[in-house]
Amino acid sequence: MRNKSKQKKNNRKKLITFFDPRSSISEEFTSVKINIEFASIGRETKVIMVTSAEPDAGKSIVSSNLAVVYAQQGKKTLIIDLDLRKPTQHRVFFSNNEIGITGLLLRPDMRSTAIQETEVNYLQVLTSGHIPPNPVEILNTQALADLVAEFREEYDQIIIDAPPVLVAADTRLIARLADGIVFVIKSGKSEYKKTAKSLELLQQTHTKILGAVLNNPALKATQAYYTYGEN
């Protein structure tokens, strides 16, 4: 019971935009959203994919907090956990992960169970579901593309938590479903060559890179800084 309580407390720290919306860190996430809008003038960015070069850069934290910021501004928002190798959003939002997107693709009639409400008004979460043996097979299906197309009609904003670029080919498949990409860089850790290689691979998908978030792990809580993309 103590471990569960500790985990819940740690997860609340990760979702700082909800539990401490007036903090300076929450303001940074609001700035990220505003800068995305500036970078998106003249084009639709209803579906945003968030990724990084390698694991532990903080891309899942950025995904969840960015989704909260959109929802707080009255946009009907859906966050989808498409990191089918190391999913985390079910823990961030304390959601059931029995169905998720992998289950929904097999059982379209389970939508009302798979898509769950969160503590945040206007924000729903679609967790990963059971991790498949070969995620690429699911991510490369027309069924997934059709499902995201349906979500476009139902939601004002969709945030996709994608796996790191250099882990597998998954991210490039997911990028084809998105209108724009937010790339997360871990300050003090991300190597230039790996970051450059990741951005090169993402550019091959022809999906606009909206910008980069520099995630600062030196602070007690997550702090993010946004820089404009050049694409």
Protein backbone atom coordinates (compact mmCIF):
# COMPACT_ATOMS: atom_id res chain seq x y z
CA MET A 1 0.00 0.00 0.00
CA ARG A 2 2.88 2.35 0.86
CA ASN A 3 4.56 1.71 -2.52
CA LYS A 4 1.30 2.40 -4.35
CA SER A 5 0.82 5.65 -2.45
CA LYS A 6 4.41 6.69 -3.23
CA GLN A 7 3.93 5.91 -6.92
CA LYS A 8 0.75 7.98 -7.02
CA LYS A 9 2.54 10.91 -5.38
CA ASN A 10 5.39 10.69 -7.90
CA ASN A 11 2.96 10.59 -10.82
CA ARG A 12 1.19 13.65 -9.50
CA LYS A 13 4.50 15.50 -9.63
CA LYS A 14 4.81 14.52 -13.29
CA LEU A 15 1.37 15.95 -14.10
CA ILE A 16 2.28 19.35 -12.73
CA THR A 17 0.06 21.32 -15.12
CA PHE A 18 -2.97 19.79 -13.41
CA PHE A 19 -1.89 19.60 -9.78
CA ASP A 20 0.00 22.92 -9.73
CA PRO A 21 -1.31 24.93 -12.70
CA ARG A 22 0.03 28.26 -11.42
CA SER A 23 3.62 27.11 -11.08
CA SER A 24 6.36 28.50 -13.29
CA ILE A 25 6.85 25.05 -14.79
CA SER A 26 3.18 24.88 -15.81
CA GLU A 27 3.62 28.28 -17.44
CA GLU A 28 6.44 26.81 -19.51
CA PHE A 29 4.12 24.13 -20.86
CA THR A 30 1.58 26.81 -21.71
CA SER A 31 4.35 28.61 -23.61
CA VAL A 32 5.11 25.40 -25.49
CA LYS A 33 1.48 25.24 -26.62
CA ILE A 34 1.47 28.90 -27.69
CA ASN A 35 4.69 28.49 -29.64
CA ILE A 36 3.31 25.41 -31.38
CA GLU A 37 0.38 27.54 -32.50
CA PHE A 38 2.74 30.19 -33.86
CA ALA A 39 4.72 27.52 -35.70
CA SER A 40 1.47 26.13 -37.14
CA ILE A 41 -0.01 29.29 -38.63
CA GLY A 42 -1.68 28.46 -41.92
CA ARG A 43 -1.83 24.72 -41.36
CA GLU A 44 -3.82 22.27 -39.25
CA THR A 45 -2.06 20.65 -36.30
CA LYS A 46 -4.88 18.69 -34.76
CA VAL A 47 -2.69 15.62 -34.30
CA ILE A 48 0.67 16.23 -32.62
CA MET A 49 3.23 13.49 -32.08
CA VAL A 50 5.74 13.86 -29.24
CA THR A 51 8.99 11.89 -29.39
CA SER A 52 12.70 11.96 -28.55
CA ALA A 53 15.93 10.40 -29.78
CA GLU A 54 16.35 7.96 -26.90
CA PRO A 55 14.47 6.78 -23.80
CA ASP A 56 14.33 8.82 -20.59
CA ALA A 57 14.31 12.21 -22.28
CA GLY A 58 10.94 13.07 -20.76
CA LYS A 59 8.78 12.83 -23.90
CA SER A 60 5.93 11.09 -22.04
CA ILE A 61 5.85 13.81 -19.38
CA VAL A 62 5.80 16.47 -22.08
CA SER A 63 2.99 14.60 -23.86
CA SER A 64 0.75 14.36 -20.81
CA ASN A 65 1.29 17.92 -19.61
CA LEU A 66 0.80 19.33 -23.09
CA ALA A 67 -2.49 17.43 -23.34
CA VAL A 68 -3.59 18.90 -20.00
CA VAL A 69 -2.82 22.44 -21.19
CA TYR A 70 -4.98 21.99 -24.30
CA ALA A 71 -7.81 20.57 -22.20
CA GLN A 72 -7.57 23.38 -19.66
CA GLN A 73 -8.29 25.81 -22.48
CA GLY A 74 -11.56 24.06 -23.24
CA LYS A 75 -10.42 21.88 -26.15
CA LYS A 76 -11.77 18.35 -26.24
CA THR A 77 -8.46 16.50 -26.08
CA LEU A 78 -7.36 12.89 -26.46
CA ILE A 79 -3.93 11.59 -25.51
CA ILE A 80 -2.98 8.31 -27.16
CA ASP A 81 -0.16 6.14 -25.86
CA LEU A 82 1.39 4.64 -28.98
CA ASP A 83 4.66 3.77 -27.27
CA LEU A 84 3.90 0.07 -27.58
CA ARG A 85 7.30 -0.92 -26.20
CA LYS A 86 7.40 1.05 -22.95
CA PRO A 87 3.97 2.65 -22.32
CA THR A 88 3.50 4.98 -19.35
CA GLN A 89 0.33 7.04 -19.79
CA HIS A 90 -1.86 4.50 -17.94
CA ARG A 91 0.27 5.10 -14.86
CA VAL A 92 0.29 8.89 -15.24
CA PHE A 93 -3.51 9.02 -15.38
CA PHE A 94 -4.16 5.97 -13.15
CA SER A 95 -6.10 4.35 -15.99
CA ASN A 96 -7.03 0.75 -16.72
CA ASN A 97 -4.73 -0.70 -19.38
CA GLU A 98 -6.63 -3.89 -20.18
CA ILE A 99 -8.09 -2.71 -23.50
CA GLY A 100 -6.19 0.32 -24.76
CA ILE A 101 -5.52 0.96 -28.41
CA THR A 102 -4.26 -2.55 -29.15
CA GLY A 103 -7.50 -4.00 -27.82
CA LEU A 104 -9.62 -1.39 -29.58
CA LEU A 105 -8.11 -2.25 -32.95
CA LEU A 106 -9.19 -5.85 -32.42
CA ARG A 107 -12.58 -4.97 -30.91
CA PRO A 108 -13.94 -1.68 -32.32
CA ASP A 109 -17.09 -2.20 -30.24
CA MET A 110 -15.00 -1.64 -27.07
CA ARG A 111 -14.48 2.09 -27.71
CA SER A 112 -16.44 3.26 -24.68
CA THR A 113 -14.28 1.04 -22.48
CA ALA A 114 -10.95 1.72 -24.17
CA ILE A 115 -11.23 5.53 -24.13
CA GLN A 116 -11.26 6.67 -20.51
CA GLU A 117 -12.02 9.87 -18.69
CA THR A 118 -9.29 11.52 -16.62
CA GLU A 119 -9.37 13.89 -13.64
CA VAL A 120 -8.89 16.71 -16.12
CA ASN A 121 -12.01 18.20 -17.70
CA TYR A 122 -12.12 17.78 -21.50
CA LEU A 123 -9.22 15.28 -21.43
CA GLN A 124 -9.58 11.59 -22.26
CA VAL A 125 -6.85 8.96 -22.50
CA LEU A 126 -6.43 5.95 -24.78
CA THR A 127 -3.76 3.80 -23.19
CA SER A 128 -1.53 1.33 -25.02
CA GLY A 129 -3.31 -1.86 -24.00
CA HIS A 130 -1.38 -5.10 -23.91
CA ILE A 131 2.06 -4.81 -25.50
CA PRO A 132 2.13 -6.78 -28.77
CA PRO A 133 5.09 -9.01 -29.75
CA ASN A 134 5.69 -6.92 -32.88
CA PRO A 135 4.40 -3.33 -32.56
CA VAL A 136 5.30 -2.51 -36.18
CA GLU A 137 2.58 -4.87 -37.43
CA ILE A 138 -0.07 -2.85 -35.57
CA LEU A 139 1.36 0.59 -36.32
CA ASN A 140 1.51 -0.14 -40.04
CA THR A 141 -2.14 -1.13 -40.41
CA GLN A 142 -4.86 0.75 -42.24
CA ALA A 143 -7.09 0.11 -39.23
CA LEU A 144 -4.92 2.41 -37.08
CA ALA A 145 -4.90 5.12 -39.75
CA ASP A 146 -8.69 4.89 -40.02
CA LEU A 147 -9.07 5.10 -36.25
CA VAL A 148 -6.96 8.26 -36.02
CA ALA A 149 -8.99 9.72 -38.90
CA GLU A 150 -12.17 9.07 -36.90
CA PHE A 151 -10.66 10.74 -33.84
CA ARG A 152 -9.92 13.82 -35.94
CA GLU A 153 -13.66 14.28 -36.36
CA GLU A 154 -14.40 13.80 -32.65
CA TYR A 155 -11.67 15.81 -30.89
CA ASP A 156 -10.26 19.32 -31.05
CA GLN A 157 -6.76 18.15 -30.21
CA ILE A 158 -4.95 14.81 -30.21
CA ILE A 159 -1.56 14.21 -28.58
CA ILE A 160 0.32 11.02 -29.46
CA ASP A 161 3.02 9.77 -27.10
CA ALA A 162 5.35 7.96 -29.52
CA PRO A 163 8.43 5.82 -28.80
CA PRO A 164 11.95 7.23 -29.15
CA VAL A 165 13.11 7.50 -32.75
CA LEU A 166 16.27 5.45 -32.40
CA VAL A 167 14.61 2.54 -30.59
CA ALA A 168 12.73 1.19 -33.61
CA ALA A 169 10.98 2.12 -36.83
CA ASP A 170 7.71 2.61 -34.92
CA THR A 171 8.00 6.38 -34.64
CA ARG A 172 8.32 6.99 -38.37
CA LEU A 173 5.17 4.97 -39.00
CA ILE A 174 3.30 6.99 -36.38
CA ALA A 175 4.60 10.28 -37.79
CA ARG A 176 2.64 9.67 -40.99
CA LEU A 177 -0.57 9.96 -38.94
CA ALA A 178 0.38 13.30 -37.38
CA ASP A 179 0.21 16.90 -38.56
CA GLY A 180 3.29 17.93 -36.62
CA ILE A 181 6.08 16.66 -34.40
CA VAL A 182 7.42 17.97 -31.10
CA PHE A 183 10.91 16.66 -30.39
CA VAL A 184 12.09 16.39 -26.77
CA ILE A 185 15.78 16.75 -25.91
CA LYS A 186 17.13 15.92 -22.46
CA SER A 187 19.48 18.67 -21.36
CA GLY A 188 22.94 17.49 -20.51
CA LYS A 189 22.39 13.97 -21.85
CA SER A 190 21.24 13.93 -25.46
CA GLU A 191 24.19 13.53 -27.79
CA TYR A 192 24.32 15.85 -30.79
CA LYS A 193 24.88 13.02 -33.29
CA LYS A 194 21.91 11.02 -32.02
CA THR A 195 19.68 14.07 -32.02
CA ALA A 196 20.76 14.99 -35.55
CA LYS A 197 20.21 11.43 -36.76
CA SER A 198 16.72 11.34 -35.21
CA LEU A 199 15.72 14.62 -36.83
CA GLU A 200 17.03 13.38 -40.18
CA LEU A 201 14.88 10.25 -39.92
CA LEU A 202 11.81 12.29 -38.93
CA GLN A 203 12.29 14.65 -41.87
CA GLN A 204 12.04 11.65 -44.17
CA THR A 205 8.41 11.21 -43.06
CA HIS A 206 7.58 14.68 -44.51
CA THR A 207 5.70 15.55 -41.32
CA LYS A 208 6.47 19.07 -40.10
CA ILE A 209 8.76 19.29 -37.08
CA LEU A 210 7.09 22.02 -35.06
CA GLY A 211 9.98 22.52 -32.70
CA ALA A 212 12.03 21.06 -29.87
CA VAL A 213 11.50 21.02 -26.12
CA LEU A 214 14.64 21.13 -23.99
CA ASN A 215 13.80 19.16 -20.87
CA ASN A 216 15.90 20.12 -17.87
CA PRO A 217 16.47 17.16 -15.52
CA ALA A 218 18.55 19.24 -13.08
CA LEU A 219 15.43 20.78 -11.55
CA LYS A 220 13.31 19.04 -8.92
CA ALA A 221 10.33 18.98 -11.24
CA THR A 222 10.18 18.80 -15.00
CA GLN A 223 10.86 22.10 -16.73
CA ALA A 224 10.59 22.52 -20.44
CA TYR A 225 11.76 25.16 -22.86
CA TYR A 226 10.52 25.38 -26.43
CA THR A 227 12.53 26.31 -29.49
CA TYR A 228 11.07 26.87 -32.94
CA GLY A 229 11.54 24.30 -35.64
CA GLU A 230 13.08 25.28 -38.95
CA ASN A 231 11.03 22.98 -41.21
